[in-house]
């Protein structure tokens, strides 16, 4: 594993797109959340409006609020994974790896390990930001570990998005087409499917679609309170179900890609 990761690092360390997209994620996530915490969104408008999101940055609410916005900005890292995968096919470096003695599974597992490491690093960054924002807005570290399960949820969400990006990249192989399909599915197709399924089922099973399952781990901050209030009235699924569903999708991505690579010639 270590050797495969070293080789992957050698491939991407001078890759400008890698640094651009990771820098955008690293810079924009805290900047956006800082602006929100300072009252960019106010009920009533203007400086006299009610800053109804600022309280969400104290412990323990900071975890859910930061995670919801993080689920949007994780698109940068997802697109990065697609580019890394598809460029292997564009420049035929995948075949060069095989000629150098790699097995197909070694090439594949190198990408899988990269996805896991990126997910872990992003989660650590999420944790650090959560501690900083929570400390600043709470005035202390009291409650820092309340609802700490959201850190694990964010790892699952990130792994879900990056695993899906890996799947799209391996199947499509064309950078522009793969990115377009990923964005189209995540923003439009899945939302349409979710609406149709939820409308025709007693329980919201549409929420267990690939990316939506991870998104459900971090409901929109204002809707979170509404969900708790309505839970006794409207049918819903638990966070445990969503966490298990997200984990299941990650396994499906892994075995689907593995079977496809072993079945087809390069």
C-alpha atoms as a PDB file:
ATOM      1  CA  UNK A   1       0.000   0.000   0.000  1.00  0.00           C
ATOM      2  CA  UNK A   2       2.757   2.432   0.947  1.00  0.00           C
ATOM      3  CA  UNK A   3       4.597   1.908  -2.345  1.00  0.00           C
ATOM      4  CA  UNK A   4       1.414   2.434  -4.360  1.00  0.00           C
ATOM      5  CA  UNK A   5       0.654   5.672  -2.518  1.00  0.00           C
ATOM      6  CA  UNK A   6       4.203   6.922  -3.043  1.00  0.00           C
ATOM      7  CA  UNK A   7       3.865   6.364  -6.791  1.00  0.00           C
ATOM      8  CA  UNK A   8       0.476   8.128  -6.822  1.00  0.00           C
ATOM      9  CA  UNK A   9       1.999  11.065  -4.963  1.00  0.00           C
ATOM     10  CA  UNK A  10       4.830  11.279  -7.487  1.00  0.00           C
ATOM     11  CA  UNK A  11       2.208  11.466 -10.232  1.00  0.00           C
ATOM     12  CA  UNK A  12       0.175  14.300  -8.725  1.00  0.00           C
ATOM     13  CA  UNK A  13       2.661  16.394  -6.746  1.00  0.00           C
ATOM     14  CA  UNK A  14       3.508  18.527  -9.789  1.00  0.00           C
ATOM     15  CA  UNK A  15       0.023  18.342 -11.241  1.00  0.00           C
ATOM     16  CA  UNK A  16      -1.216  21.956 -11.269  1.00  0.00           C
ATOM     17  CA  UNK A  17      -4.887  20.979 -11.304  1.00  0.00           C
ATOM     18  CA  UNK A  18      -4.370  19.046  -8.076  1.00  0.00           C
ATOM     19  CA  UNK A  19      -3.064  22.102  -6.275  1.00  0.00           C
ATOM     20  CA  UNK A  20      -5.656  24.440  -7.768  1.00  0.00           C
ATOM     21  CA  UNK A  21      -8.675  22.340  -6.798  1.00  0.00           C
ATOM     22  CA  UNK A  22      -7.383  21.418  -3.348  1.00  0.00           C
ATOM     23  CA  UNK A  23      -6.495  25.063  -2.696  1.00  0.00           C
ATOM     24  CA  UNK A  24     -10.009  26.129  -3.679  1.00  0.00           C
ATOM     25  CA  UNK A  25     -11.491  23.641  -1.244  1.00  0.00           C
ATOM     26  CA  UNK A  26      -9.101  24.543   1.566  1.00  0.00           C
ATOM     27  CA  UNK A  27      -9.613  28.289   1.122  1.00  0.00           C
ATOM     28  CA  UNK A  28     -13.296  28.576   0.225  1.00  0.00           C
ATOM     29  CA  UNK A  29     -14.774  26.256   2.874  1.00  0.00           C
ATOM     30  CA  UNK A  30     -13.579  28.277   5.901  1.00  0.00           C
ATOM     31  CA  UNK A  31     -14.014  31.604   4.107  1.00  0.00           C
ATOM     32  CA  UNK A  32     -17.626  30.865   3.196  1.00  0.00           C
ATOM     33  CA  UNK A  33     -18.447  29.608   6.682  1.00  0.00           C
ATOM     34  CA  UNK A  34     -16.791  32.648   8.220  1.00  0.00           C
ATOM     35  CA  UNK A  35     -18.931  34.943   6.083  1.00  0.00           C
ATOM     36  CA  UNK A  36     -22.060  32.993   7.058  1.00  0.00           C
ATOM     37  CA  UNK A  37     -21.149  33.182  10.737  1.00  0.00           C
ATOM     38  CA  UNK A  38     -20.671  36.935  10.398  1.00  0.00           C
ATOM     39  CA  UNK A  39     -24.182  37.407   9.039  1.00  0.00           C
ATOM     40  CA  UNK A  40     -24.123  37.354   5.243  1.00  0.00           C
ATOM     41  CA  UNK A  41     -27.523  35.641   5.339  1.00  0.00           C
ATOM     42  CA  UNK A  42     -29.953  37.669   7.463  1.00  0.00           C
ATOM     43  CA  UNK A  43     -33.708  37.507   7.810  1.00  0.00           C
ATOM     44  CA  UNK A  44     -35.077  40.937   6.930  1.00  0.00           C
ATOM     45  CA  UNK A  45     -31.951  41.968   5.024  1.00  0.00           C
ATOM     46  CA  UNK A  46     -29.402  44.625   5.865  1.00  0.00           C
ATOM     47  CA  UNK A  47     -27.347  44.940   9.031  1.00  0.00           C
ATOM     48  CA  UNK A  48     -30.462  45.045  11.203  1.00  0.00           C
ATOM     49  CA  UNK A  49     -31.707  41.682   9.998  1.00  0.00           C
ATOM     50  CA  UNK A  50     -31.603  38.582  12.154  1.00  0.00           C
ATOM     51  CA  UNK A  51     -28.436  36.526  11.702  1.00  0.00           C
ATOM     52  CA  UNK A  52     -30.246  33.194  12.006  1.00  0.00           C
ATOM     53  CA  UNK A  53     -27.247  30.999  11.107  1.00  0.00           C
ATOM     54  CA  UNK A  54     -24.567  32.426  13.386  1.00  0.00           C
ATOM     55  CA  UNK A  55     -25.653  30.370  16.407  1.00  0.00           C
ATOM     56  CA  UNK A  56     -25.137  27.215  14.387  1.00  0.00           C
ATOM     57  CA  UNK A  57     -21.369  27.664  14.727  1.00  0.00           C
ATOM     58  CA  UNK A  58     -21.184  27.062  18.460  1.00  0.00           C
ATOM     59  CA  UNK A  59     -20.751  23.585  19.919  1.00  0.00           C
ATOM     60  CA  UNK A  60     -22.299  21.157  19.152  1.00  0.00           C
ATOM     61  CA  UNK A  61     -24.275  22.631  16.225  1.00  0.00           C
ATOM     62  CA  UNK A  62     -21.107  23.606  14.371  1.00  0.00           C
ATOM     63  CA  UNK A  63     -20.579  20.025  13.221  1.00  0.00           C
ATOM     64  CA  UNK A  64     -23.840  19.759  11.302  1.00  0.00           C
ATOM     65  CA  UNK A  65     -23.638  23.273   9.870  1.00  0.00           C
ATOM     66  CA  UNK A  66     -20.043  22.920   8.719  1.00  0.00           C
ATOM     67  CA  UNK A  67     -20.791  19.458   7.347  1.00  0.00           C
ATOM     68  CA  UNK A  68     -23.724  20.716   5.270  1.00  0.00           C
ATOM     69  CA  UNK A  69     -21.615  23.373   3.561  1.00  0.00           C
ATOM     70  CA  UNK A  70     -18.736  20.915   3.273  1.00  0.00           C
ATOM     71  CA  UNK A  71     -20.972  18.563   1.288  1.00  0.00           C
ATOM     72  CA  UNK A  72     -21.183  21.306  -1.347  1.00  0.00           C
ATOM     73  CA  UNK A  73     -17.504  22.196  -1.502  1.00  0.00           C
ATOM     74  CA  UNK A  74     -16.477  18.518  -1.643  1.00  0.00           C
ATOM     75  CA  UNK A  75     -17.395  18.793  -5.332  1.00  0.00           C
ATOM     76  CA  UNK A  76     -13.924  20.304  -5.905  1.00  0.00           C
ATOM     77  CA  UNK A  77     -12.198  17.163  -4.603  1.00  0.00           C
ATOM     78  CA  UNK A  78     -14.646  14.915  -6.464  1.00  0.00           C
ATOM     79  CA  UNK A  79     -13.829  16.625  -9.747  1.00  0.00           C
ATOM     80  CA  UNK A  80     -10.136  16.271  -8.913  1.00  0.00           C
ATOM     81  CA  UNK A  81     -10.542  12.494  -8.525  1.00  0.00           C
ATOM     82  CA  UNK A  82     -12.291  12.300 -11.901  1.00  0.00           C
ATOM     83  CA  UNK A  83      -9.469  14.230 -13.573  1.00  0.00           C
ATOM     84  CA  UNK A  84      -6.778  12.053 -11.976  1.00  0.00           C
ATOM     85  CA  UNK A  85      -8.523   8.869 -13.151  1.00  0.00           C
ATOM     86  CA  UNK A  86      -9.426   9.966 -16.676  1.00  0.00           C
ATOM     87  CA  UNK A  87      -5.993  11.380 -17.396  1.00  0.00           C
ATOM     88  CA  UNK A  88      -4.517   7.934 -16.793  1.00  0.00           C
ATOM     89  CA  UNK A  89      -6.498   6.826 -19.851  1.00  0.00           C
ATOM     90  CA  UNK A  90      -5.946  10.009 -21.861  1.00  0.00           C
ATOM     91  CA  UNK A  91      -2.154   9.765 -21.569  1.00  0.00           C
ATOM     92  CA  UNK A  92      -2.087   5.930 -21.553  1.00  0.00           C
ATOM     93  CA  UNK A  93      -0.179   5.900 -18.260  1.00  0.00           C
ATOM     94  CA  UNK A  94      -2.444   3.064 -17.108  1.00  0.00           C
ATOM     95  CA  UNK A  95      -0.980   0.851 -19.817  1.00  0.00           C
ATOM     96  CA  UNK A  96       2.522   2.040 -18.970  1.00  0.00           C
ATOM     97  CA  UNK A  97       1.972   0.920 -15.379  1.00  0.00           C
ATOM     98  CA  UNK A  98       1.031  -2.555 -16.616  1.00  0.00           C
ATOM     99  CA  UNK A  99       4.097  -2.642 -18.879  1.00  0.00           C
ATOM    100  CA  UNK A 100       6.212  -1.709 -15.849  1.00  0.00           C
ATOM    101  CA  UNK A 101       4.996  -4.813 -14.037  1.00  0.00           C
ATOM    102  CA  UNK A 102       1.858  -3.651 -12.236  1.00  0.00           C
ATOM    103  CA  UNK A 103      -1.178  -5.872 -12.073  1.00  0.00           C
ATOM    104  CA  UNK A 104      -4.596  -4.419 -12.861  1.00  0.00           C
ATOM    105  CA  UNK A 105      -5.627  -4.668  -9.228  1.00  0.00           C
ATOM    106  CA  UNK A 106      -2.493  -2.798  -8.139  1.00  0.00           C
ATOM    107  CA  UNK A 107      -3.369   0.058 -10.479  1.00  0.00           C
ATOM    108  CA  UNK A 108      -6.945   0.044  -9.189  1.00  0.00           C
ATOM    109  CA  UNK A 109      -6.030  -0.218  -5.519  1.00  0.00           C
ATOM    110  CA  UNK A 110      -3.626   2.692  -5.904  1.00  0.00           C
ATOM    111  CA  UNK A 111      -6.631   4.836  -6.863  1.00  0.00           C
ATOM    112  CA  UNK A 112      -8.761   3.369  -4.084  1.00  0.00           C
ATOM    113  CA  UNK A 113      -6.062   4.122  -1.510  1.00  0.00           C
ATOM    114  CA  UNK A 114      -5.784   7.651  -2.881  1.00  0.00           C
ATOM    115  CA  UNK A 115      -9.547   8.137  -2.462  1.00  0.00           C
ATOM    116  CA  UNK A 116      -9.389   6.842   1.129  1.00  0.00           C
ATOM    117  CA  UNK A 117      -6.419   9.055   2.019  1.00  0.00           C
ATOM    118  CA  UNK A 118      -8.070  12.132   0.478  1.00  0.00           C
ATOM    119  CA  UNK A 119     -11.250  11.367   2.426  1.00  0.00           C
ATOM    120  CA  UNK A 120      -9.282  11.028   5.645  1.00  0.00           C
ATOM    121  CA  UNK A 121      -7.324  14.253   5.111  1.00  0.00           C
ATOM    122  CA  UNK A 122     -10.492  16.175   4.226  1.00  0.00           C
ATOM    123  CA  UNK A 123     -12.148  14.816   7.389  1.00  0.00           C
ATOM    124  CA  UNK A 124      -9.213  15.918   9.542  1.00  0.00           C
ATOM    125  CA  UNK A 125      -9.505  19.372   7.970  1.00  0.00           C
ATOM    126  CA  UNK A 126     -13.242  19.341   8.719  1.00  0.00           C
ATOM    127  CA  UNK A 127     -12.481  18.478  12.359  1.00  0.00           C
ATOM    128  CA  UNK A 128      -9.903  21.262  12.707  1.00  0.00           C
ATOM    129  CA  UNK A 129     -12.301  23.829  11.208  1.00  0.00           C
ATOM    130  CA  UNK A 130     -15.090  22.604  13.477  1.00  0.00           C
ATOM    131  CA  UNK A 131     -12.920  23.015  16.571  1.00  0.00           C
ATOM    132  CA  UNK A 132     -11.814  26.509  15.503  1.00  0.00           C
ATOM    133  CA  UNK A 133     -15.294  27.775  14.604  1.00  0.00           C
ATOM    134  CA  UNK A 134     -16.841  26.132  17.655  1.00  0.00           C
ATOM    135  CA  UNK A 135     -14.236  27.571  20.031  1.00  0.00           C
ATOM    136  CA  UNK A 136     -14.571  31.077  18.612  1.00  0.00           C
ATOM    137  CA  UNK A 137     -18.374  31.094  18.735  1.00  0.00           C
ATOM    138  CA  UNK A 138     -18.818  29.155  21.983  1.00  0.00           C
ATOM    139  CA  UNK A 139     -16.077  30.910  23.914  1.00  0.00           C
ATOM    140  CA  UNK A 140     -14.787  27.591  25.252  1.00  0.00           C
ATOM    141  CA  UNK A 141     -14.260  23.952  24.326  1.00  0.00           C
ATOM    142  CA  UNK A 142     -17.289  22.833  26.329  1.00  0.00           C
ATOM    143  CA  UNK A 143     -19.354  20.472  24.221  1.00  0.00           C
ATOM    144  CA  UNK A 144     -16.651  19.930  21.609  1.00  0.00           C
ATOM    145  CA  UNK A 145     -17.298  16.192  21.592  1.00  0.00           C
ATOM    146  CA  UNK A 146     -21.091  16.455  21.699  1.00  0.00           C
ATOM    147  CA  UNK A 147     -22.525  15.075  18.456  1.00  0.00           C
ATOM    148  CA  UNK A 148     -18.957  14.155  17.525  1.00  0.00           C
ATOM    149  CA  UNK A 149     -20.347  11.315  15.389  1.00  0.00           C
ATOM    150  CA  UNK A 150     -20.717  13.947  12.663  1.00  0.00           C
ATOM    151  CA  UNK A 151     -16.969  13.689  12.072  1.00  0.00           C
ATOM    152  CA  UNK A 152     -17.460  10.044  11.139  1.00  0.00           C
ATOM    153  CA  UNK A 153     -20.474  10.999   9.067  1.00  0.00           C
ATOM    154  CA  UNK A 154     -18.366  13.501   7.148  1.00  0.00           C
ATOM    155  CA  UNK A 155     -15.781  10.824   6.382  1.00  0.00           C
ATOM    156  CA  UNK A 156     -18.560   8.616   4.999  1.00  0.00           C
ATOM    157  CA  UNK A 157     -19.995  11.492   2.962  1.00  0.00           C
ATOM    158  CA  UNK A 158     -16.583  12.332   1.503  1.00  0.00           C
ATOM    159  CA  UNK A 159     -15.808   8.695   0.753  1.00  0.00           C
ATOM    160  CA  UNK A 160     -19.220   8.397  -0.909  1.00  0.00           C
ATOM    161  CA  UNK A 161     -18.647  11.361  -3.211  1.00  0.00           C
ATOM    162  CA  UNK A 162     -15.063  10.436  -4.082  1.00  0.00           C
ATOM    163  CA  UNK A 163     -15.975   6.780  -4.580  1.00  0.00           C
ATOM    164  CA  UNK A 164     -18.756   7.790  -6.953  1.00  0.00           C
ATOM    165  CA  UNK A 165     -16.308  10.079  -8.778  1.00  0.00           C
ATOM    166  CA  UNK A 166     -13.896   7.141  -9.085  1.00  0.00           C
ATOM    167  CA  UNK A 167     -16.697   5.023 -10.551  1.00  0.00           C
ATOM    168  CA  UNK A 168     -17.647   7.693 -13.095  1.00  0.00           C
ATOM    169  CA  UNK A 169     -14.030   8.274 -14.083  1.00  0.00           C
ATOM    170  CA  UNK A 170     -13.301   4.583 -14.628  1.00  0.00           C
ATOM    171  CA  UNK A 171     -16.449   4.020 -16.686  1.00  0.00           C
ATOM    172  CA  UNK A 172     -16.436   7.177 -18.828  1.00  0.00           C
ATOM    173  CA  UNK A 173     -12.666   7.705 -19.233  1.00  0.00           C
ATOM    174  CA  UNK A 174     -13.155  11.096 -20.943  1.00  0.00           C
ATOM    175  CA  UNK A 175     -12.462  14.003 -18.590  1.00  0.00           C
ATOM    176  CA  UNK A 176     -14.997  16.544 -19.848  1.00  0.00           C
ATOM    177  CA  UNK A 177     -17.769  13.997 -20.316  1.00  0.00           C
ATOM    178  CA  UNK A 178     -17.149  12.393 -16.922  1.00  0.00           C
ATOM    179  CA  UNK A 179     -17.192  15.744 -15.090  1.00  0.00           C
ATOM    180  CA  UNK A 180     -20.331  16.805 -16.960  1.00  0.00           C
ATOM    181  CA  UNK A 181     -22.113  13.558 -16.122  1.00  0.00           C
ATOM    182  CA  UNK A 182     -21.061  13.770 -12.472  1.00  0.00           C
ATOM    183  CA  UNK A 183     -22.394  17.325 -12.117  1.00  0.00           C
ATOM    184  CA  UNK A 184     -25.572  16.521 -14.065  1.00  0.00           C
ATOM    185  CA  UNK A 185     -26.317  13.497 -11.918  1.00  0.00           C
ATOM    186  CA  UNK A 186     -25.472  15.083  -8.563  1.00  0.00           C
ATOM    187  CA  UNK A 187     -27.393  18.309  -9.152  1.00  0.00           C
ATOM    188  CA  UNK A 188     -30.330  17.280 -11.335  1.00  0.00           C
ATOM    189  CA  UNK A 189     -30.848  13.588 -12.106  1.00  0.00           C
ATOM    190  CA  UNK A 190     -30.607  12.290  -8.553  1.00  0.00           C
ATOM    191  CA  UNK A 191     -32.904  15.019  -7.213  1.00  0.00           C
ATOM    192  CA  UNK A 192     -35.517  14.122  -9.829  1.00  0.00           C
ATOM    193  CA  UNK A 193     -35.252  10.416  -9.026  1.00  0.00           C
ATOM    194  CA  UNK A 194     -35.445  11.107  -5.304  1.00  0.00           C
ATOM    195  CA  UNK A 195     -38.602  13.159  -5.732  1.00  0.00           C
ATOM    196  CA  UNK A 196     -40.315  10.496  -7.834  1.00  0.00           C
ATOM    197  CA  UNK A 197     -39.397   7.649  -5.451  1.00  0.00           C
ATOM    198  CA  UNK A 198     -40.357   9.538  -2.305  1.00  0.00           C
ATOM    199  CA  UNK A 199     -43.654  10.567  -3.841  1.00  0.00           C
ATOM    200  CA  UNK A 200     -44.580   6.953  -4.564  1.00  0.00           C
ATOM    201  CA  UNK A 201     -43.380   5.258  -1.366  1.00  0.00           C
ATOM    202  CA  UNK A 202     -44.509   5.449   2.254  1.00  0.00           C
ATOM    203  CA  UNK A 203     -40.964   5.961   3.523  1.00  0.00           C
ATOM    204  CA  UNK A 204     -38.486   8.322   1.797  1.00  0.00           C
ATOM    205  CA  UNK A 205     -36.475   5.549   0.154  1.00  0.00           C
ATOM    206  CA  UNK A 206     -35.329   8.002  -2.500  1.00  0.00           C
ATOM    207  CA  UNK A 207     -33.082   9.511   0.146  1.00  0.00           C
ATOM    208  CA  UNK A 208     -30.952   6.369  -0.082  1.00  0.00           C
ATOM    209  CA  UNK A 209     -29.804   7.076  -3.638  1.00  0.00           C
ATOM    210  CA  UNK A 210     -25.982   7.098  -3.977  1.00  0.00           C
ATOM    211  CA  UNK A 211     -25.069  10.702  -3.160  1.00  0.00           C
ATOM    212  CA  UNK A 212     -28.276  11.652  -1.364  1.00  0.00           C
ATOM    213  CA  UNK A 213     -27.652   9.015   1.316  1.00  0.00           C
ATOM    214  CA  UNK A 214     -24.502  10.873   2.321  1.00  0.00           C
ATOM    215  CA  UNK A 215     -26.169  14.276   2.056  1.00  0.00           C
ATOM    216  CA  UNK A 216     -28.907  13.147   4.441  1.00  0.00           C
ATOM    217  CA  UNK A 217     -26.288  12.804   7.170  1.00  0.00           C
ATOM    218  CA  UNK A 218     -26.088  16.610   7.172  1.00  0.00           C
ATOM    219  CA  UNK A 219     -29.557  18.182   6.797  1.00  0.00           C
ATOM    220  CA  UNK A 220     -29.732  21.906   6.099  1.00  0.00           C
ATOM    221  CA  UNK A 221     -29.281  23.659   9.493  1.00  0.00           C
ATOM    222  CA  UNK A 222     -32.698  25.323   9.554  1.00  0.00           C
ATOM    223  CA  UNK A 223     -34.429  22.167   8.340  1.00  0.00           C
ATOM    224  CA  UNK A 224     -32.738  20.134  11.049  1.00  0.00           C
ATOM    225  CA  UNK A 225     -34.962  21.596  13.772  1.00  0.00           C
ATOM    226  CA  UNK A 226     -38.009  21.229  11.536  1.00  0.00           C
ATOM    227  CA  UNK A 227     -37.144  17.568  10.933  1.00  0.00           C
ATOM    228  CA  UNK A 228     -36.954  16.886  14.666  1.00  0.00           C
ATOM    229  CA  UNK A 229     -40.305  18.621  15.226  1.00  0.00           C
ATOM    230  CA  UNK A 230     -41.992  16.731  12.395  1.00  0.00           C
ATOM    231  CA  UNK A 231     -40.403  13.341  13.047  1.00  0.00           C
ATOM    232  CA  UNK A 232     -43.419  12.116  14.970  1.00  0.00           C
ATOM    233  CA  UNK A 233     -45.776  13.203  12.185  1.00  0.00           C
ATOM    234  CA  UNK A 234     -43.961  12.378   8.959  1.00  0.00           C
ATOM    235  CA  UNK A 235     -42.317   9.032   8.121  1.00  0.00           C
ATOM    236  CA  UNK A 236     -38.541   9.226   8.082  1.00  0.00           C
ATOM    237  CA  UNK A 237     -35.362   7.165   8.166  1.00  0.00           C
ATOM    238  CA  UNK A 238     -32.803   7.299  10.963  1.00  0.00           C
ATOM    239  CA  UNK A 239     -29.225   8.529  10.732  1.00  0.00           C
ATOM    240  CA  UNK A 240     -28.106   4.931  11.290  1.00  0.00           C
ATOM    241  CA  UNK A 241     -29.952   3.878   8.142  1.00  0.00           C
ATOM    242  CA  UNK A 242     -28.352   6.691   6.151  1.00  0.00           C
ATOM    243  CA  UNK A 243     -24.886   5.841   7.509  1.00  0.00           C
ATOM    244  CA  UNK A 244     -25.355   2.168   6.607  1.00  0.00           C
ATOM    245  CA  UNK A 245     -26.736   3.118   3.207  1.00  0.00           C
ATOM    246  CA  UNK A 246     -23.756   5.361   2.484  1.00  0.00           C
ATOM    247  CA  UNK A 247     -21.334   2.621   3.556  1.00  0.00           C
ATOM    248  CA  UNK A 248     -23.132   0.130   1.330  1.00  0.00           C
ATOM    249  CA  UNK A 249     -22.821   2.425  -1.679  1.00  0.00           C
ATOM    250  CA  UNK A 250     -19.070   2.769  -1.054  1.00  0.00           C
ATOM    251  CA  UNK A 251     -18.748  -1.026  -1.155  1.00  0.00           C
ATOM    252  CA  UNK A 252     -20.842  -1.162  -4.319  1.00  0.00           C
ATOM    253  CA  UNK A 253     -18.549   1.368  -5.997  1.00  0.00           C
ATOM    254  CA  UNK A 254     -15.495  -0.660  -5.017  1.00  0.00           C
ATOM    255  CA  UNK A 255     -16.705  -4.054  -6.227  1.00  0.00           C
ATOM    256  CA  UNK A 256     -18.326  -2.668  -9.386  1.00  0.00           C
ATOM    257  CA  UNK A 257     -15.119  -0.947 -10.478  1.00  0.00           C
ATOM    258  CA  UNK A 258     -13.021  -3.971  -9.514  1.00  0.00           C
ATOM    259  CA  UNK A 259     -15.174  -6.369 -11.538  1.00  0.00           C
ATOM    260  CA  UNK A 260     -15.201  -4.021 -14.548  1.00  0.00           C
ATOM    261  CA  UNK A 261     -11.424  -3.597 -14.609  1.00  0.00           C
ATOM    262  CA  UNK A 262     -10.775  -7.333 -14.340  1.00  0.00           C
ATOM    263  CA  UNK A 263     -13.326  -8.158 -17.051  1.00  0.00           C
ATOM    264  CA  UNK A 264     -12.246  -5.708 -19.751  1.00  0.00           C
ATOM    265  CA  UNK A 265      -8.979  -5.355 -21.641  1.00  0.00           C
ATOM    266  CA  UNK A 266      -7.167  -2.032 -21.676  1.00  0.00           C
END
